[in-house]
Amino acid sequence: MRIRVTQSGGRAGSEELELASLDTERLHAQAAGRVRGRLAAEGFFSLPERVTGGGVAGPRYRILVEEAGDVHVVTFEDDGSPAAESLKALVEALAEEACAQAKALNQAR
């Protein structure tokens, strides 16, 4: 499973800033399980392509997940709504896993 998380708007401005890039095949089994578990807990693959909460628009996030040739993309704005808060927590968890993966790869070199 490959995952890419980006942000635009807010501090990122109009450019798309990559927050996380993960490949669960390159993660330890526990880390891959955590990532899969977070996506499942969020119901990620059942979410619509665009999630809106109706609050004041903030930074825009895009989560792209590719697995076995299937791609699911969810875009949302950090508008303070419960849906956005839940997805933002997912973004933060994915970014933490990506950071840990990068550290592990650097230490292996």
N, C-alpha and C. Protein backbone atom coordinates (compact mmCIF):
# COMPACT_ATOMS: atom_id res chain seq x y z
N MET A 1 0.85 -1.17 0.00
CA MET A 1 0.00 0.00 0.00
C MET A 1 0.90 1.24 0.00
N ARG A 2 0.62 2.14 -0.91
CA ARG A 2 1.36 3.41 -0.96
C ARG A 2 0.42 4.54 -0.57
N ILE A 3 0.95 5.45 0.22
CA ILE A 3 0.15 6.56 0.75
C ILE A 3 0.91 7.85 0.54
N ARG A 4 0.20 8.86 0.10
CA ARG A 4 0.79 10.19 -0.07
C ARG A 4 -0.18 11.21 0.51
N VAL A 5 0.33 12.09 1.38
CA VAL A 5 -0.49 13.12 2.01
C VAL A 5 0.11 14.48 1.65
N THR A 6 -0.73 15.38 1.15
CA THR A 6 -0.27 16.71 0.80
C THR A 6 -1.17 17.77 1.43
N GLN A 7 -0.62 18.98 1.51
CA GLN A 7 -1.37 20.12 2.03
C GLN A 7 -1.17 21.29 1.08
N SER A 8 -2.23 22.06 0.89
CA SER A 8 -2.13 23.31 0.14
C SER A 8 -2.97 24.34 0.88
N GLY A 9 -2.72 25.59 0.59
CA GLY A 9 -3.42 26.64 1.33
C GLY A 9 -2.80 26.81 2.70
N GLY A 10 -3.31 27.73 3.47
CA GLY A 10 -2.74 27.97 4.79
C GLY A 10 -1.27 28.36 4.69
N ARG A 11 -0.44 27.78 5.55
CA ARG A 11 1.00 28.08 5.53
C ARG A 11 1.69 27.58 4.27
N ALA A 12 1.10 26.58 3.61
CA ALA A 12 1.69 26.03 2.40
C ALA A 12 1.48 26.95 1.20
N GLY A 13 0.59 27.91 1.32
CA GLY A 13 0.29 28.80 0.21
C GLY A 13 -0.42 28.05 -0.89
N SER A 14 -0.23 28.47 -2.12
CA SER A 14 -0.93 27.83 -3.23
C SER A 14 -0.23 26.56 -3.70
N GLU A 15 1.02 26.36 -3.27
CA GLU A 15 1.75 25.16 -3.67
C GLU A 15 1.33 23.97 -2.84
N GLU A 16 1.49 22.79 -3.41
CA GLU A 16 1.17 21.55 -2.70
C GLU A 16 2.43 21.08 -1.97
N LEU A 17 2.31 20.95 -0.66
CA LEU A 17 3.42 20.55 0.20
C LEU A 17 3.21 19.09 0.61
N GLU A 18 4.21 18.24 0.38
CA GLU A 18 4.09 16.84 0.78
C GLU A 18 4.34 16.71 2.28
N LEU A 19 3.36 16.15 2.99
CA LEU A 19 3.47 15.94 4.42
C LEU A 19 3.92 14.53 4.77
N ALA A 20 3.56 13.57 3.92
CA ALA A 20 3.91 12.18 4.19
C ALA A 20 3.89 11.38 2.90
N SER A 21 4.82 10.44 2.83
CA SER A 21 4.86 9.48 1.74
C SER A 21 5.26 8.15 2.37
N LEU A 22 4.38 7.17 2.27
CA LEU A 22 4.62 5.88 2.91
C LEU A 22 4.40 4.74 1.94
N ASP A 23 5.14 3.68 2.16
CA ASP A 23 4.93 2.42 1.46
C ASP A 23 4.90 1.36 2.54
N THR A 24 3.74 0.78 2.80
CA THR A 24 3.64 -0.18 3.91
C THR A 24 4.51 -1.42 3.68
N GLU A 25 4.89 -1.69 2.44
CA GLU A 25 5.78 -2.81 2.16
C GLU A 25 7.18 -2.56 2.74
N ARG A 26 7.51 -1.31 2.97
CA ARG A 26 8.83 -0.95 3.49
C ARG A 26 8.82 -0.71 5.00
N LEU A 27 7.64 -0.80 5.60
CA LEU A 27 7.52 -0.60 7.04
C LEU A 27 7.66 -1.93 7.77
N HIS A 28 8.03 -1.85 9.05
CA HIS A 28 7.99 -3.03 9.90
C HIS A 28 6.54 -3.46 10.01
N ALA A 29 6.32 -4.72 10.30
CA ALA A 29 4.96 -5.27 10.36
C ALA A 29 4.07 -4.50 11.33
N GLN A 30 4.61 -4.13 12.50
CA GLN A 30 3.82 -3.39 13.48
C GLN A 30 3.40 -2.03 12.94
N ALA A 31 4.33 -1.32 12.32
CA ALA A 31 4.03 0.01 11.78
C ALA A 31 3.02 -0.10 10.64
N ALA A 32 3.19 -1.09 9.77
CA ALA A 32 2.24 -1.28 8.67
C ALA A 32 0.85 -1.59 9.23
N GLY A 33 0.81 -2.38 10.30
CA GLY A 33 -0.47 -2.70 10.94
C GLY A 33 -1.13 -1.47 11.54
N ARG A 34 -0.31 -0.60 12.13
CA ARG A 34 -0.86 0.66 12.69
C ARG A 34 -1.46 1.51 11.59
N VAL A 35 -0.77 1.63 10.46
CA VAL A 35 -1.25 2.44 9.35
C VAL A 35 -2.56 1.86 8.81
N ARG A 36 -2.58 0.58 8.57
CA ARG A 36 -3.80 -0.07 8.07
C ARG A 36 -4.95 0.08 9.07
N GLY A 37 -4.62 -0.06 10.35
CA GLY A 37 -5.63 0.08 11.40
C GLY A 37 -6.21 1.48 11.46
N ARG A 38 -5.36 2.50 11.32
CA ARG A 38 -5.86 3.88 11.33
C ARG A 38 -6.77 4.16 10.14
N LEU A 39 -6.37 3.67 8.98
CA LEU A 39 -7.21 3.86 7.79
C LEU A 39 -8.56 3.15 7.96
N ALA A 40 -8.52 1.94 8.50
CA ALA A 40 -9.76 1.18 8.71
C ALA A 40 -10.64 1.86 9.75
N ALA A 41 -10.04 2.33 10.84
CA ALA A 41 -10.81 2.99 11.90
C ALA A 41 -11.49 4.25 11.39
N GLU A 42 -10.86 4.91 10.46
CA GLU A 42 -11.43 6.14 9.87
C GLU A 42 -12.48 5.81 8.82
N GLY A 43 -12.54 4.55 8.40
CA GLY A 43 -13.45 4.18 7.32
C GLY A 43 -13.01 4.83 6.02
N PHE A 44 -11.69 4.98 5.87
CA PHE A 44 -11.12 5.76 4.77
C PHE A 44 -11.65 5.34 3.41
N PHE A 45 -11.70 4.04 3.15
CA PHE A 45 -12.07 3.57 1.81
C PHE A 45 -13.55 3.74 1.52
N SER A 46 -14.32 4.10 2.54
CA SER A 46 -15.75 4.38 2.35
C SER A 46 -16.05 5.87 2.26
N LEU A 47 -15.05 6.69 2.53
CA LEU A 47 -15.25 8.14 2.50
C LEU A 47 -15.41 8.64 1.07
N PRO A 48 -16.19 9.71 0.89
CA PRO A 48 -16.29 10.31 -0.45
C PRO A 48 -14.98 10.99 -0.82
N GLU A 49 -14.85 11.32 -2.09
CA GLU A 49 -13.63 11.97 -2.57
C GLU A 49 -13.40 13.32 -1.90
N ARG A 50 -14.47 14.01 -1.59
CA ARG A 50 -14.36 15.32 -0.93
C ARG A 50 -15.22 15.31 0.32
N VAL A 51 -14.57 15.57 1.46
CA VAL A 51 -15.27 15.61 2.75
C VAL A 51 -15.41 17.06 3.15
N THR A 52 -16.62 17.49 3.41
CA THR A 52 -16.86 18.87 3.83
C THR A 52 -17.59 18.87 5.17
N GLY A 53 -17.25 19.87 5.97
CA GLY A 53 -17.88 19.98 7.28
C GLY A 53 -18.70 21.23 7.45
N GLY A 54 -18.51 22.19 6.57
CA GLY A 54 -19.32 23.40 6.60
C GLY A 54 -18.75 24.53 7.44
N GLY A 55 -17.59 24.33 8.05
CA GLY A 55 -16.99 25.40 8.84
C GLY A 55 -16.20 26.36 7.97
N VAL A 56 -15.45 27.23 8.62
CA VAL A 56 -14.60 28.19 7.91
C VAL A 56 -13.41 27.44 7.30
N ALA A 57 -13.22 27.64 6.01
CA ALA A 57 -12.18 26.91 5.29
C ALA A 57 -10.79 27.28 5.79
N GLY A 58 -9.96 26.26 5.91
CA GLY A 58 -8.56 26.44 6.28
C GLY A 58 -7.69 25.73 5.26
N PRO A 59 -6.54 25.23 5.68
CA PRO A 59 -5.67 24.49 4.76
C PRO A 59 -6.41 23.28 4.17
N ARG A 60 -6.05 22.93 2.95
CA ARG A 60 -6.66 21.79 2.26
C ARG A 60 -5.68 20.62 2.30
N TYR A 61 -6.18 19.45 2.63
CA TYR A 61 -5.38 18.23 2.69
C TYR A 61 -5.88 17.23 1.67
N ARG A 62 -4.96 16.43 1.16
CA ARG A 62 -5.29 15.39 0.20
C ARG A 62 -4.57 14.12 0.63
N ILE A 63 -5.34 13.05 0.81
CA ILE A 63 -4.78 11.75 1.18
C ILE A 63 -5.04 10.80 0.02
N LEU A 64 -3.98 10.27 -0.55
CA LEU A 64 -4.07 9.34 -1.67
C LEU A 64 -3.54 7.99 -1.21
N VAL A 65 -4.34 6.95 -1.37
CA VAL A 65 -3.92 5.60 -0.99
C VAL A 65 -4.07 4.71 -2.21
N GLU A 66 -3.00 4.01 -2.53
CA GLU A 66 -2.99 3.10 -3.67
C GLU A 66 -2.65 1.70 -3.16
N GLU A 67 -3.50 0.75 -3.53
CA GLU A 67 -3.25 -0.63 -3.13
C GLU A 67 -3.75 -1.56 -4.22
N ALA A 68 -2.87 -2.44 -4.66
CA ALA A 68 -3.20 -3.44 -5.68
C ALA A 68 -3.86 -2.81 -6.91
N GLY A 69 -3.34 -1.67 -7.32
CA GLY A 69 -3.85 -1.01 -8.52
C GLY A 69 -5.08 -0.14 -8.29
N ASP A 70 -5.69 -0.22 -7.12
CA ASP A 70 -6.84 0.64 -6.80
C ASP A 70 -6.35 1.89 -6.09
N VAL A 71 -6.97 3.01 -6.43
CA VAL A 71 -6.60 4.30 -5.83
C VAL A 71 -7.83 4.93 -5.21
N HIS A 72 -7.67 5.40 -3.98
CA HIS A 72 -8.75 6.14 -3.32
C HIS A 72 -8.15 7.45 -2.82
N VAL A 73 -8.79 8.55 -3.15
CA VAL A 73 -8.31 9.88 -2.76
C VAL A 73 -9.40 10.56 -1.95
N VAL A 74 -9.00 11.16 -0.84
CA VAL A 74 -9.91 11.96 -0.03
C VAL A 74 -9.29 13.33 0.15
N THR A 75 -10.07 14.36 -0.13
CA THR A 75 -9.63 15.75 0.05
C THR A 75 -10.56 16.40 1.07
N PHE A 76 -9.97 17.18 1.98
CA PHE A 76 -10.78 17.90 2.96
C PHE A 76 -10.09 19.19 3.35
N GLU A 77 -10.89 20.12 3.84
CA GLU A 77 -10.36 21.38 4.34
C GLU A 77 -10.42 21.37 5.85
N ASP A 78 -9.41 21.92 6.48
CA ASP A 78 -9.36 22.01 7.94
C ASP A 78 -10.28 23.15 8.37
N ASP A 79 -11.58 22.82 8.46
CA ASP A 79 -12.58 23.84 8.77
C ASP A 79 -13.06 23.76 10.22
N GLY A 80 -12.40 22.94 11.03
CA GLY A 80 -12.78 22.82 12.43
C GLY A 80 -13.94 21.90 12.70
N SER A 81 -14.51 21.31 11.67
CA SER A 81 -15.64 20.39 11.84
C SER A 81 -15.14 19.07 12.43
N PRO A 82 -16.04 18.29 13.03
CA PRO A 82 -15.63 16.98 13.56
C PRO A 82 -15.01 16.07 12.49
N ALA A 83 -15.57 16.09 11.29
CA ALA A 83 -15.02 15.26 10.21
C ALA A 83 -13.60 15.69 9.88
N ALA A 84 -13.37 17.00 9.79
CA ALA A 84 -12.03 17.50 9.49
C ALA A 84 -11.05 17.20 10.62
N GLU A 85 -11.50 17.32 11.86
CA GLU A 85 -10.63 17.03 13.01
C GLU A 85 -10.20 15.57 12.99
N SER A 86 -11.11 14.67 12.69
CA SER A 86 -10.80 13.25 12.64
C SER A 86 -9.81 12.95 11.52
N LEU A 87 -10.03 13.54 10.34
CA LEU A 87 -9.12 13.33 9.23
C LEU A 87 -7.77 13.99 9.47
N LYS A 88 -7.77 15.12 10.16
CA LYS A 88 -6.49 15.77 10.46
C LYS A 88 -5.67 14.90 11.42
N ALA A 89 -6.33 14.23 12.35
CA ALA A 89 -5.63 13.30 13.25
C ALA A 89 -5.02 12.15 12.44
N LEU A 90 -5.73 11.69 11.41
CA LEU A 90 -5.20 10.67 10.53
C LEU A 90 -3.97 11.19 9.79
N VAL A 91 -4.05 12.41 9.27
CA VAL A 91 -2.91 13.02 8.58
C VAL A 91 -1.70 13.08 9.51
N GLU A 92 -1.91 13.50 10.74
CA GLU A 92 -0.81 13.61 11.70
C GLU A 92 -0.20 12.24 12.01
N ALA A 93 -1.05 11.22 12.14
CA ALA A 93 -0.55 9.86 12.40
C ALA A 93 0.27 9.34 11.22
N LEU A 94 -0.21 9.60 10.00
CA LEU A 94 0.52 9.17 8.81
C LEU A 94 1.86 9.91 8.68
N ALA A 95 1.85 11.20 9.01
CA ALA A 95 3.10 11.97 8.97
C ALA A 95 4.11 11.45 9.99
N GLU A 96 3.63 11.06 11.17
CA GLU A 96 4.52 10.50 12.20
C GLU A 96 5.13 9.18 11.72
N GLU A 97 4.32 8.33 11.11
CA GLU A 97 4.84 7.06 10.58
C GLU A 97 5.85 7.30 9.47
N ALA A 98 5.59 8.28 8.60
CA ALA A 98 6.52 8.59 7.52
C ALA A 98 7.84 9.10 8.08
N CYS A 99 7.78 9.91 9.12
CA CYS A 99 8.99 10.43 9.76
C CYS A 99 9.79 9.28 10.39
N ALA A 100 9.10 8.38 11.07
CA ALA A 100 9.77 7.23 11.68
C ALA A 100 10.40 6.34 10.62
N GLN A 101 9.70 6.16 9.48
CA GLN A 101 10.23 5.36 8.39
C GLN A 101 11.50 6.01 7.83
N ALA A 102 11.48 7.31 7.65
CA ALA A 102 12.65 8.01 7.11
C ALA A 102 13.84 7.89 8.05
N LYS A 103 13.59 8.02 9.36
CA LYS A 103 14.67 7.88 10.35
C LYS A 103 15.27 6.48 10.30
N ALA A 104 14.41 5.47 10.22
CA ALA A 104 14.88 4.09 10.18
C ALA A 104 15.72 3.84 8.93
N LEU A 105 15.30 4.39 7.79
CA LEU A 105 16.05 4.21 6.56
C LEU A 105 17.41 4.91 6.64
N ASN A 106 17.44 6.08 7.25
CA ASN A 106 18.71 6.82 7.39
C ASN A 106 19.66 6.10 8.32
N GLN A 107 19.15 5.50 9.38
CA GLN A 107 20.01 4.77 10.32
C GLN A 107 20.56 3.49 9.69
N ALA A 108 19.82 2.92 8.76
CA ALA A 108 20.27 1.69 8.10
C ALA A 108 21.41 1.94 7.12
N ARG A 109 21.60 3.19 6.76
CA ARG A 109 22.65 3.52 5.77
C ARG A 109 23.98 3.57 6.40
